[in-house]
N, C-alpha and C. Protein backbone atom coordinates (compact mmCIF):
# COMPACT_ATOMS: atom_id res chain seq x y z
N UNK A 1 20.09 -3.89 -7.57
CA UNK A 1 19.79 -4.94 -8.58
C UNK A 1 20.99 -5.80 -8.76
N UNK A 2 20.72 -6.97 -9.29
CA UNK A 2 21.80 -7.89 -9.59
C UNK A 2 22.16 -7.72 -11.10
N UNK A 3 23.48 -7.61 -11.40
CA UNK A 3 23.90 -7.43 -12.78
C UNK A 3 23.41 -8.53 -13.69
N UNK A 4 23.28 -8.25 -14.95
CA UNK A 4 22.89 -9.27 -15.93
C UNK A 4 23.99 -10.30 -16.03
N UNK A 5 23.76 -11.36 -16.77
CA UNK A 5 24.71 -12.42 -16.96
C UNK A 5 26.03 -11.85 -17.47
N UNK A 6 27.17 -12.44 -17.02
CA UNK A 6 28.45 -11.92 -17.47
C UNK A 6 28.65 -12.07 -18.95
N UNK A 7 29.42 -11.17 -19.57
CA UNK A 7 29.79 -11.22 -20.92
C UNK A 7 31.26 -11.04 -21.07
N UNK A 8 31.83 -11.53 -22.11
CA UNK A 8 33.28 -11.48 -22.27
C UNK A 8 33.80 -10.07 -22.42
N UNK A 9 34.84 -9.74 -21.69
CA UNK A 9 35.49 -8.45 -21.76
C UNK A 9 36.01 -8.18 -23.15
N UNK A 10 35.89 -6.92 -23.63
CA UNK A 10 36.37 -6.54 -24.87
C UNK A 10 35.39 -6.72 -26.06
N UNK A 11 34.27 -7.28 -25.77
CA UNK A 11 33.29 -7.47 -26.82
C UNK A 11 32.32 -6.27 -26.87
N UNK A 12 31.62 -6.10 -28.00
CA UNK A 12 30.60 -5.04 -28.03
C UNK A 12 29.51 -5.18 -26.95
N UNK A 13 29.20 -6.46 -26.58
CA UNK A 13 28.24 -6.67 -25.52
C UNK A 13 28.80 -6.16 -24.18
N UNK A 14 30.05 -6.38 -23.97
CA UNK A 14 30.71 -5.89 -22.74
C UNK A 14 30.66 -4.43 -22.65
N UNK A 15 30.97 -3.72 -23.74
CA UNK A 15 30.93 -2.28 -23.81
C UNK A 15 29.53 -1.76 -23.52
N UNK A 16 28.54 -2.36 -24.16
CA UNK A 16 27.15 -1.93 -23.96
C UNK A 16 26.73 -2.16 -22.51
N UNK A 17 27.13 -3.29 -21.95
CA UNK A 17 26.75 -3.67 -20.59
C UNK A 17 27.30 -2.63 -19.60
N UNK A 18 28.57 -2.25 -19.73
CA UNK A 18 29.18 -1.28 -18.85
C UNK A 18 28.42 0.07 -18.91
N UNK A 19 28.22 0.49 -20.18
CA UNK A 19 27.52 1.81 -20.35
C UNK A 19 26.10 1.83 -19.80
N UNK A 20 25.44 0.71 -19.98
CA UNK A 20 24.02 0.60 -19.49
C UNK A 20 24.04 0.67 -17.93
N UNK A 21 24.89 -0.09 -17.32
CA UNK A 21 25.00 -0.13 -15.86
C UNK A 21 25.36 1.24 -15.30
N UNK A 22 26.21 1.90 -15.95
CA UNK A 22 26.63 3.30 -15.51
C UNK A 22 25.46 4.23 -15.65
N UNK A 23 24.82 4.24 -16.83
CA UNK A 23 23.74 5.20 -17.08
C UNK A 23 22.55 4.97 -16.23
N UNK A 24 22.27 3.75 -15.81
CA UNK A 24 21.16 3.46 -14.96
C UNK A 24 21.45 3.53 -13.50
N UNK A 25 22.75 3.81 -13.12
CA UNK A 25 23.14 3.89 -11.73
C UNK A 25 22.99 2.52 -11.03
N UNK A 26 23.30 1.47 -11.74
CA UNK A 26 23.15 0.12 -11.24
C UNK A 26 23.97 -0.05 -9.93
N UNK A 27 23.35 -0.78 -9.01
CA UNK A 27 23.99 -1.12 -7.73
C UNK A 27 24.28 -2.62 -7.79
N UNK A 28 25.35 -3.01 -7.06
CA UNK A 28 25.81 -4.42 -7.06
C UNK A 28 25.32 -5.13 -5.81
N UNK A 29 24.68 -6.28 -5.98
CA UNK A 29 24.39 -7.11 -4.85
C UNK A 29 24.91 -8.47 -5.23
N UNK A 30 25.94 -8.84 -4.41
CA UNK A 30 26.60 -10.11 -4.77
C UNK A 30 27.07 -10.80 -3.50
N UNK A 31 27.08 -12.10 -3.50
CA UNK A 31 27.55 -12.88 -2.43
C UNK A 31 29.11 -12.87 -2.51
N UNK A 32 29.73 -12.21 -1.53
CA UNK A 32 31.18 -12.03 -1.53
C UNK A 32 31.88 -13.40 -1.50
N UNK A 33 31.27 -14.39 -0.99
CA UNK A 33 31.81 -15.75 -0.92
C UNK A 33 31.98 -16.36 -2.28
N UNK A 34 31.27 -15.86 -3.25
CA UNK A 34 31.32 -16.40 -4.62
C UNK A 34 32.43 -15.74 -5.47
N UNK A 35 33.05 -14.70 -4.91
CA UNK A 35 34.07 -13.99 -5.69
C UNK A 35 35.41 -14.68 -5.53
N UNK A 36 36.24 -14.50 -6.56
CA UNK A 36 37.63 -14.90 -6.45
C UNK A 36 38.32 -14.04 -5.38
N UNK A 37 39.46 -14.46 -4.91
CA UNK A 37 40.19 -13.71 -3.89
C UNK A 37 40.59 -12.33 -4.53
N UNK A 38 40.97 -12.37 -5.80
CA UNK A 38 41.39 -11.06 -6.44
C UNK A 38 40.24 -10.13 -6.60
N UNK A 39 39.04 -10.62 -6.99
CA UNK A 39 37.89 -9.76 -7.10
C UNK A 39 37.42 -9.24 -5.78
N UNK A 40 37.43 -10.08 -4.71
CA UNK A 40 37.09 -9.66 -3.40
C UNK A 40 38.01 -8.55 -2.92
N UNK A 41 39.30 -8.70 -3.13
CA UNK A 41 40.29 -7.69 -2.74
C UNK A 41 40.05 -6.36 -3.48
N UNK A 42 39.73 -6.43 -4.74
CA UNK A 42 39.45 -5.23 -5.55
C UNK A 42 38.25 -4.51 -4.98
N UNK A 43 37.15 -5.20 -4.78
CA UNK A 43 35.98 -4.57 -4.21
C UNK A 43 36.22 -3.99 -2.84
N UNK A 44 37.02 -4.70 -2.04
CA UNK A 44 37.35 -4.27 -0.70
C UNK A 44 38.17 -2.99 -0.75
N UNK A 45 39.12 -2.89 -1.72
CA UNK A 45 39.90 -1.67 -1.88
C UNK A 45 39.01 -0.47 -2.25
N UNK A 46 38.14 -0.66 -3.16
CA UNK A 46 37.22 0.42 -3.53
C UNK A 46 36.31 0.80 -2.37
N UNK A 47 35.89 -0.15 -1.56
CA UNK A 47 35.05 0.15 -0.42
C UNK A 47 35.79 0.94 0.59
N UNK A 48 37.05 0.61 0.81
CA UNK A 48 37.90 1.37 1.74
C UNK A 48 38.06 2.84 1.27
N UNK A 49 38.28 2.96 -0.04
CA UNK A 49 38.37 4.33 -0.65
C UNK A 49 37.10 5.09 -0.40
N UNK A 50 35.96 4.42 -0.64
CA UNK A 50 34.66 5.08 -0.49
C UNK A 50 34.41 5.51 0.99
N UNK A 51 34.77 4.66 1.92
CA UNK A 51 34.56 4.99 3.31
C UNK A 51 35.48 6.16 3.70
N UNK A 52 36.69 6.11 3.21
CA UNK A 52 37.64 7.21 3.58
C UNK A 52 37.22 8.52 2.97
N UNK A 53 36.75 8.53 1.72
CA UNK A 53 36.29 9.81 1.09
C UNK A 53 35.05 10.30 1.83
N UNK A 54 34.17 9.42 2.19
CA UNK A 54 32.93 9.82 2.86
C UNK A 54 33.16 10.36 4.27
N UNK A 55 34.15 9.79 4.96
CA UNK A 55 34.32 10.17 6.38
C UNK A 55 35.40 11.24 6.64
N UNK A 56 36.10 11.65 5.63
CA UNK A 56 37.16 12.66 5.83
C UNK A 56 37.18 13.62 4.68
N UNK A 57 38.25 14.31 4.52
CA UNK A 57 38.46 15.26 3.42
C UNK A 57 38.37 14.56 2.11
N UNK A 58 37.46 14.97 1.18
CA UNK A 58 37.38 14.30 -0.12
C UNK A 58 38.70 14.41 -0.93
N UNK A 59 39.55 15.36 -0.58
CA UNK A 59 40.82 15.48 -1.30
C UNK A 59 41.90 14.57 -0.70
N UNK A 60 41.55 13.87 0.42
CA UNK A 60 42.58 13.03 1.08
C UNK A 60 42.98 11.86 0.20
N UNK A 61 42.11 11.40 -0.72
CA UNK A 61 42.42 10.28 -1.59
C UNK A 61 42.78 10.94 -2.96
N UNK A 62 43.96 10.59 -3.41
CA UNK A 62 44.45 11.16 -4.67
C UNK A 62 43.76 10.40 -5.89
N UNK A 63 44.41 10.52 -6.98
CA UNK A 63 43.86 9.94 -8.22
C UNK A 63 44.10 8.41 -8.22
N UNK A 64 43.17 7.77 -8.92
CA UNK A 64 43.25 6.31 -9.12
C UNK A 64 43.83 6.17 -10.50
N UNK A 65 45.06 5.68 -10.63
CA UNK A 65 45.75 5.57 -11.94
C UNK A 65 45.54 4.11 -12.42
N UNK A 66 44.97 4.05 -13.64
CA UNK A 66 44.77 2.71 -14.23
C UNK A 66 45.89 2.42 -15.18
N UNK A 67 46.78 1.51 -14.70
CA UNK A 67 47.91 1.14 -15.51
C UNK A 67 47.49 0.34 -16.75
N UNK A 68 48.25 0.56 -17.79
CA UNK A 68 48.03 -0.15 -19.06
C UNK A 68 46.64 0.01 -19.61
N UNK A 69 46.12 1.23 -19.63
CA UNK A 69 44.81 1.56 -20.16
C UNK A 69 44.86 1.25 -21.67
N UNK A 70 43.99 0.44 -22.14
CA UNK A 70 43.94 0.02 -23.51
C UNK A 70 42.67 0.43 -24.21
N UNK A 71 41.65 0.82 -23.47
CA UNK A 71 40.34 1.18 -24.08
C UNK A 71 39.55 2.10 -23.14
N UNK A 72 38.59 2.76 -23.71
CA UNK A 72 37.68 3.54 -22.85
C UNK A 72 36.93 2.61 -21.92
N UNK A 73 36.64 1.42 -22.34
CA UNK A 73 35.93 0.42 -21.51
C UNK A 73 36.76 0.06 -20.25
N UNK A 74 38.09 0.03 -20.39
CA UNK A 74 38.93 -0.24 -19.21
C UNK A 74 38.62 0.83 -18.15
N UNK A 75 38.58 2.09 -18.53
CA UNK A 75 38.34 3.18 -17.64
C UNK A 75 36.89 3.15 -17.13
N UNK A 76 35.95 2.94 -18.04
CA UNK A 76 34.58 2.86 -17.60
C UNK A 76 34.27 1.74 -16.60
N UNK A 77 35.00 0.64 -16.73
CA UNK A 77 34.89 -0.44 -15.75
C UNK A 77 35.29 0.04 -14.35
N UNK A 78 36.28 0.91 -14.29
CA UNK A 78 36.72 1.49 -13.03
C UNK A 78 35.59 2.44 -12.50
N UNK A 79 35.02 3.24 -13.40
CA UNK A 79 33.91 4.08 -12.98
C UNK A 79 32.75 3.20 -12.41
N UNK A 80 32.48 2.14 -13.05
CA UNK A 80 31.42 1.20 -12.63
C UNK A 80 31.75 0.59 -11.25
N UNK A 81 32.99 0.14 -11.08
CA UNK A 81 33.38 -0.41 -9.77
C UNK A 81 33.22 0.65 -8.69
N UNK A 82 33.64 1.90 -9.00
CA UNK A 82 33.49 2.97 -8.01
C UNK A 82 32.00 3.18 -7.72
N UNK A 83 31.15 3.10 -8.72
CA UNK A 83 29.72 3.29 -8.55
C UNK A 83 29.23 2.16 -7.61
N UNK A 84 29.58 0.91 -7.89
CA UNK A 84 29.17 -0.24 -7.08
C UNK A 84 29.57 -0.09 -5.63
N UNK A 85 30.69 0.56 -5.36
CA UNK A 85 31.29 0.57 -4.03
C UNK A 85 30.94 1.84 -3.30
N UNK A 86 29.96 2.60 -3.77
CA UNK A 86 29.51 3.73 -3.01
C UNK A 86 30.18 5.06 -3.22
N UNK A 87 30.89 5.16 -4.36
CA UNK A 87 31.60 6.42 -4.68
C UNK A 87 30.77 7.33 -5.54
N UNK A 88 29.53 7.00 -5.85
CA UNK A 88 28.70 7.83 -6.67
C UNK A 88 27.89 8.82 -5.78
N UNK A 89 27.64 10.01 -6.32
CA UNK A 89 26.91 11.00 -5.51
C UNK A 89 25.42 10.80 -5.65
N UNK A 90 24.94 10.05 -6.60
CA UNK A 90 23.54 9.76 -6.77
C UNK A 90 23.36 8.46 -7.55
N UNK A 91 22.30 7.74 -7.41
CA UNK A 91 22.14 6.50 -8.11
C UNK A 91 22.23 6.61 -9.65
N UNK A 92 21.67 7.63 -10.19
CA UNK A 92 21.83 7.91 -11.64
C UNK A 92 21.84 9.43 -11.83
N UNK A 93 22.69 9.89 -12.68
CA UNK A 93 22.78 11.36 -12.90
C UNK A 93 23.76 12.04 -12.02
N UNK A 94 24.45 11.31 -11.15
CA UNK A 94 25.42 11.89 -10.21
C UNK A 94 26.81 11.90 -10.81
N UNK A 95 27.80 11.88 -9.94
CA UNK A 95 29.19 11.87 -10.31
C UNK A 95 29.88 10.82 -9.47
N UNK A 96 31.18 10.57 -9.79
CA UNK A 96 32.00 9.64 -9.02
C UNK A 96 32.96 10.53 -8.21
N UNK A 97 33.14 10.25 -6.96
CA UNK A 97 33.98 11.06 -6.12
C UNK A 97 35.41 10.57 -6.06
N UNK A 98 35.94 10.27 -7.23
CA UNK A 98 37.30 9.75 -7.36
C UNK A 98 37.86 10.15 -8.73
N UNK A 99 39.02 10.74 -8.75
CA UNK A 99 39.65 11.05 -10.04
C UNK A 99 40.20 9.74 -10.61
N UNK A 100 39.76 9.40 -11.79
CA UNK A 100 40.21 8.19 -12.49
C UNK A 100 41.10 8.63 -13.64
N UNK A 101 42.31 8.15 -13.61
CA UNK A 101 43.40 8.61 -14.56
C UNK A 101 43.88 7.49 -15.36
N UNK A 102 43.87 7.63 -16.69
CA UNK A 102 44.44 6.58 -17.55
C UNK A 102 45.97 6.69 -17.58
N UNK A 103 46.65 5.63 -17.67
CA UNK A 103 48.12 5.57 -17.91
C UNK A 103 48.30 4.97 -19.30
N UNK A 104 48.88 5.83 -20.21
CA UNK A 104 49.17 5.40 -21.53
C UNK A 104 50.71 5.27 -21.57
N UNK A 105 51.20 4.10 -21.94
CA UNK A 105 52.65 3.86 -21.93
C UNK A 105 53.25 3.26 -23.22
N UNK A 106 52.59 2.21 -23.70
CA UNK A 106 53.22 1.57 -24.89
C UNK A 106 52.97 2.52 -26.10
N UNK A 107 53.71 2.28 -27.12
CA UNK A 107 53.56 3.12 -28.34
C UNK A 107 52.15 2.93 -28.89
N UNK A 108 51.66 1.69 -28.92
CA UNK A 108 50.30 1.44 -29.45
C UNK A 108 49.28 2.15 -28.57
N UNK A 109 49.49 2.18 -27.25
CA UNK A 109 48.54 2.86 -26.33
C UNK A 109 48.61 4.35 -26.56
N UNK A 110 49.79 4.89 -26.74
CA UNK A 110 49.92 6.34 -26.95
C UNK A 110 49.25 6.72 -28.28
N UNK A 111 49.33 5.90 -29.28
CA UNK A 111 48.68 6.17 -30.55
C UNK A 111 47.15 6.08 -30.44
N UNK A 112 46.68 5.19 -29.60
CA UNK A 112 45.24 4.99 -29.42
C UNK A 112 44.64 5.98 -28.37
N UNK A 113 45.48 6.63 -27.60
CA UNK A 113 45.02 7.44 -26.47
C UNK A 113 43.96 8.52 -26.85
N UNK A 114 44.14 9.22 -27.94
CA UNK A 114 43.08 10.24 -28.24
C UNK A 114 41.69 9.61 -28.45
N UNK A 115 41.65 8.50 -29.15
CA UNK A 115 40.37 7.79 -29.37
C UNK A 115 39.82 7.30 -28.01
N UNK A 116 40.68 6.79 -27.17
CA UNK A 116 40.23 6.32 -25.90
C UNK A 116 39.64 7.46 -25.06
N UNK A 117 40.38 8.59 -25.04
CA UNK A 117 39.89 9.74 -24.25
C UNK A 117 38.58 10.26 -24.83
N UNK A 118 38.47 10.34 -26.13
CA UNK A 118 37.21 10.76 -26.77
C UNK A 118 36.06 9.85 -26.36
N UNK A 119 36.25 8.56 -26.46
CA UNK A 119 35.21 7.58 -26.09
C UNK A 119 34.88 7.74 -24.59
N UNK A 120 35.82 8.02 -23.76
CA UNK A 120 35.59 8.17 -22.33
C UNK A 120 34.72 9.42 -22.05
N UNK A 121 35.13 10.56 -22.70
CA UNK A 121 34.43 11.83 -22.49
C UNK A 121 33.04 11.89 -23.19
N UNK A 122 32.76 10.89 -24.04
CA UNK A 122 31.42 10.82 -24.58
C UNK A 122 30.37 10.33 -23.61
N UNK A 123 30.84 9.76 -22.46
CA UNK A 123 29.91 9.23 -21.47
C UNK A 123 29.58 10.36 -20.42
N UNK A 124 28.25 10.56 -20.26
CA UNK A 124 27.83 11.69 -19.46
C UNK A 124 28.31 11.60 -18.00
N UNK A 125 28.36 10.44 -17.39
CA UNK A 125 28.85 10.34 -16.01
C UNK A 125 30.28 10.86 -15.92
N UNK A 126 31.07 10.51 -16.88
CA UNK A 126 32.47 10.93 -16.95
C UNK A 126 32.55 12.44 -17.09
N UNK A 127 31.81 12.99 -18.02
CA UNK A 127 31.81 14.48 -18.19
C UNK A 127 31.41 15.18 -16.92
N UNK A 128 30.35 14.70 -16.27
CA UNK A 128 29.93 15.33 -15.01
C UNK A 128 31.03 15.24 -13.94
N UNK A 129 31.65 14.07 -13.86
CA UNK A 129 32.66 13.84 -12.85
C UNK A 129 33.86 14.75 -13.11
N UNK A 130 34.27 14.82 -14.38
CA UNK A 130 35.45 15.72 -14.72
C UNK A 130 35.06 17.13 -14.37
N UNK A 131 33.87 17.57 -14.67
CA UNK A 131 33.42 18.93 -14.33
C UNK A 131 33.54 19.18 -12.82
N UNK A 132 33.10 18.18 -12.05
CA UNK A 132 33.20 18.31 -10.57
C UNK A 132 34.62 18.47 -10.09
N UNK A 133 35.58 17.97 -10.82
CA UNK A 133 36.97 18.07 -10.45
C UNK A 133 37.66 19.17 -11.24
N UNK A 134 36.91 20.27 -11.49
CA UNK A 134 37.46 21.46 -12.11
C UNK A 134 37.58 21.43 -13.59
N UNK A 135 36.80 20.58 -14.24
CA UNK A 135 36.80 20.44 -15.70
C UNK A 135 38.18 20.16 -16.26
N UNK A 136 38.92 19.27 -15.52
CA UNK A 136 40.30 18.94 -15.89
C UNK A 136 40.48 17.46 -15.72
N UNK A 137 40.91 16.79 -16.82
CA UNK A 137 41.18 15.38 -16.83
C UNK A 137 42.70 15.17 -16.75
N UNK A 138 43.12 14.40 -15.74
CA UNK A 138 44.53 14.14 -15.61
C UNK A 138 44.85 12.88 -16.40
N UNK A 139 46.00 12.88 -17.06
CA UNK A 139 46.42 11.75 -17.82
C UNK A 139 47.88 11.44 -17.50
N UNK A 140 48.21 10.22 -17.22
CA UNK A 140 49.58 9.82 -16.93
C UNK A 140 50.20 9.28 -18.22
N UNK A 141 51.39 9.72 -18.52
CA UNK A 141 52.13 9.24 -19.68
C UNK A 141 53.34 8.50 -19.15
N UNK A 142 53.52 7.29 -19.62
CA UNK A 142 54.63 6.48 -19.23
C UNK A 142 55.77 6.49 -20.25
N UNK A 143 56.93 6.14 -19.82
CA UNK A 143 58.11 6.22 -20.65
C UNK A 143 58.75 4.84 -20.86
N UNK A 144 58.72 3.99 -19.83
CA UNK A 144 59.45 2.78 -19.86
C UNK A 144 59.06 1.85 -21.01
N UNK A 145 57.78 1.51 -21.09
CA UNK A 145 57.33 0.57 -22.13
C UNK A 145 57.47 1.18 -23.56
N UNK A 146 57.20 2.47 -23.70
CA UNK A 146 57.34 3.05 -25.04
C UNK A 146 58.84 3.11 -25.45
N UNK A 147 59.70 3.27 -24.51
CA UNK A 147 61.16 3.19 -24.80
C UNK A 147 61.53 1.77 -25.22
N UNK A 148 60.94 0.78 -24.51
CA UNK A 148 61.19 -0.61 -24.89
C UNK A 148 60.65 -0.90 -26.28
N UNK A 149 59.46 -0.37 -26.57
CA UNK A 149 58.80 -0.61 -27.85
C UNK A 149 59.58 -0.06 -29.02
N UNK A 150 60.03 1.16 -28.93
CA UNK A 150 60.53 1.81 -30.11
C UNK A 150 61.88 2.56 -29.97
N UNK A 151 62.40 2.52 -28.74
CA UNK A 151 63.64 3.26 -28.48
C UNK A 151 63.31 4.66 -28.07
N UNK A 152 64.37 5.37 -27.65
CA UNK A 152 64.26 6.71 -27.08
C UNK A 152 63.58 7.69 -28.05
N UNK A 153 64.10 7.78 -29.30
CA UNK A 153 63.62 8.81 -30.23
C UNK A 153 62.13 8.53 -30.58
N UNK A 154 61.82 7.31 -30.97
CA UNK A 154 60.42 6.99 -31.36
C UNK A 154 59.51 7.19 -30.15
N UNK A 155 59.95 6.80 -28.96
CA UNK A 155 59.12 7.00 -27.80
C UNK A 155 58.81 8.45 -27.56
N UNK A 156 59.82 9.30 -27.57
CA UNK A 156 59.61 10.71 -27.33
C UNK A 156 58.77 11.37 -28.41
N UNK A 157 58.94 10.93 -29.64
CA UNK A 157 58.11 11.45 -30.73
C UNK A 157 56.63 11.07 -30.50
N UNK A 158 56.36 9.82 -30.16
CA UNK A 158 55.01 9.43 -29.92
C UNK A 158 54.41 10.07 -28.67
N UNK A 159 55.20 10.28 -27.67
CA UNK A 159 54.70 11.03 -26.45
C UNK A 159 54.30 12.41 -26.83
N UNK A 160 55.12 13.07 -27.65
CA UNK A 160 54.79 14.46 -28.01
C UNK A 160 53.52 14.53 -28.88
N UNK A 161 53.41 13.62 -29.83
CA UNK A 161 52.19 13.54 -30.65
C UNK A 161 50.96 13.28 -29.83
N UNK A 162 51.08 12.30 -28.90
CA UNK A 162 49.95 11.94 -28.05
C UNK A 162 49.48 13.14 -27.24
N UNK A 163 50.41 13.90 -26.65
CA UNK A 163 50.01 15.04 -25.85
C UNK A 163 49.28 16.09 -26.69
N UNK A 164 49.73 16.34 -27.88
CA UNK A 164 49.10 17.32 -28.75
C UNK A 164 47.65 16.83 -29.12
N UNK A 165 47.54 15.56 -29.44
CA UNK A 165 46.24 15.06 -29.84
C UNK A 165 45.24 14.97 -28.67
N UNK A 166 45.78 14.59 -27.50
CA UNK A 166 44.98 14.53 -26.31
C UNK A 166 44.44 15.91 -25.88
N UNK A 167 45.31 16.90 -26.03
CA UNK A 167 44.90 18.29 -25.73
C UNK A 167 43.79 18.71 -26.65
N UNK A 168 43.86 18.29 -27.90
CA UNK A 168 42.81 18.64 -28.90
C UNK A 168 41.48 17.95 -28.51
N UNK A 169 41.51 16.74 -28.05
CA UNK A 169 40.31 16.08 -27.60
C UNK A 169 39.74 16.81 -26.42
N UNK A 170 40.61 17.23 -25.52
CA UNK A 170 40.16 17.99 -24.36
C UNK A 170 39.41 19.29 -24.76
N UNK A 171 40.00 19.99 -25.72
CA UNK A 171 39.35 21.20 -26.20
C UNK A 171 38.00 20.90 -26.81
N UNK A 172 37.93 19.86 -27.59
CA UNK A 172 36.63 19.43 -28.21
C UNK A 172 35.55 19.26 -27.15
N UNK A 173 35.93 18.68 -25.98
CA UNK A 173 34.98 18.42 -24.94
C UNK A 173 34.94 19.50 -23.85
N UNK A 174 35.66 20.61 -24.09
CA UNK A 174 35.73 21.71 -23.14
C UNK A 174 36.27 21.25 -21.81
N UNK A 175 37.32 20.44 -21.84
CA UNK A 175 37.95 19.88 -20.68
C UNK A 175 39.45 20.17 -20.79
N UNK A 176 39.99 20.69 -19.70
CA UNK A 176 41.47 20.87 -19.67
C UNK A 176 42.16 19.52 -19.44
N UNK A 177 43.32 19.37 -19.96
CA UNK A 177 44.10 18.17 -19.82
C UNK A 177 45.37 18.46 -19.02
N UNK A 178 45.61 17.69 -17.98
CA UNK A 178 46.85 17.79 -17.23
C UNK A 178 47.62 16.54 -17.34
N UNK A 179 48.86 16.64 -17.79
CA UNK A 179 49.69 15.48 -17.96
C UNK A 179 50.60 15.22 -16.78
N UNK A 180 50.68 14.00 -16.38
CA UNK A 180 51.58 13.56 -15.31
C UNK A 180 52.58 12.65 -15.99
N UNK A 181 53.82 12.99 -15.92
CA UNK A 181 54.88 12.20 -16.61
C UNK A 181 55.45 11.19 -15.65
N UNK A 182 55.20 9.91 -15.95
CA UNK A 182 55.65 8.81 -15.09
C UNK A 182 57.03 8.33 -15.58
N UNK A 183 58.02 9.13 -15.28
CA UNK A 183 59.40 8.77 -15.70
C UNK A 183 59.97 7.93 -14.56
N UNK A 184 60.26 6.71 -14.80
CA UNK A 184 60.83 5.83 -13.78
C UNK A 184 62.27 5.48 -14.09
N UNK A 185 62.83 4.63 -13.28
CA UNK A 185 64.17 4.15 -13.48
C UNK A 185 65.18 4.97 -12.67
N UNK A 186 66.37 4.37 -12.49
CA UNK A 186 67.37 5.00 -11.61
C UNK A 186 67.87 6.32 -12.11
N UNK A 187 67.99 6.56 -13.43
CA UNK A 187 68.54 7.78 -13.98
C UNK A 187 67.57 8.93 -13.68
N UNK A 188 66.31 8.80 -13.98
CA UNK A 188 65.35 9.87 -13.77
C UNK A 188 65.07 10.10 -12.29
N UNK A 189 65.07 9.02 -11.53
CA UNK A 189 64.88 9.22 -10.10
C UNK A 189 66.03 9.90 -9.47
N UNK A 190 67.20 9.71 -10.01
CA UNK A 190 68.44 10.39 -9.43
C UNK A 190 68.43 11.80 -9.74
């Protein structure tokens, strides 16, 4: 099917549109020539991932980390792109054959992370997919932007609080949470 008319990202209509497309197993039929170069490259990347997962070891492709995750809709849009590009196991009622991992880094994002995860796990496609991957949701926590936002002490305090709250959301949904700590910079790499 062809998707409905575009709506502005971040609006309630956008959120409803993504959820409806996911729940109905919507497929994308679009003239690639009408896409921007960036959109074409993104769809091409997902198509390469789908071909690789289908033709080789499903574990050969690691997690897809979504940098600067700000909402459940950000993550659901990735699920929808994966669905459009052939990474779903069934048109509707299936799962996505790709681990999709949020990256929470700024202090505001760390504070919003439990609500984002709760909203994500409220979607049945996501719950089924997480169950397929061992009932464990991976979450990446960043340090650079939170350190810039509030300094070392505030950043570490918010990271600790976020981990505790995210683990509680996981327990609520009967999902284990695995944290990946994205510590960058020359000191931590050394």
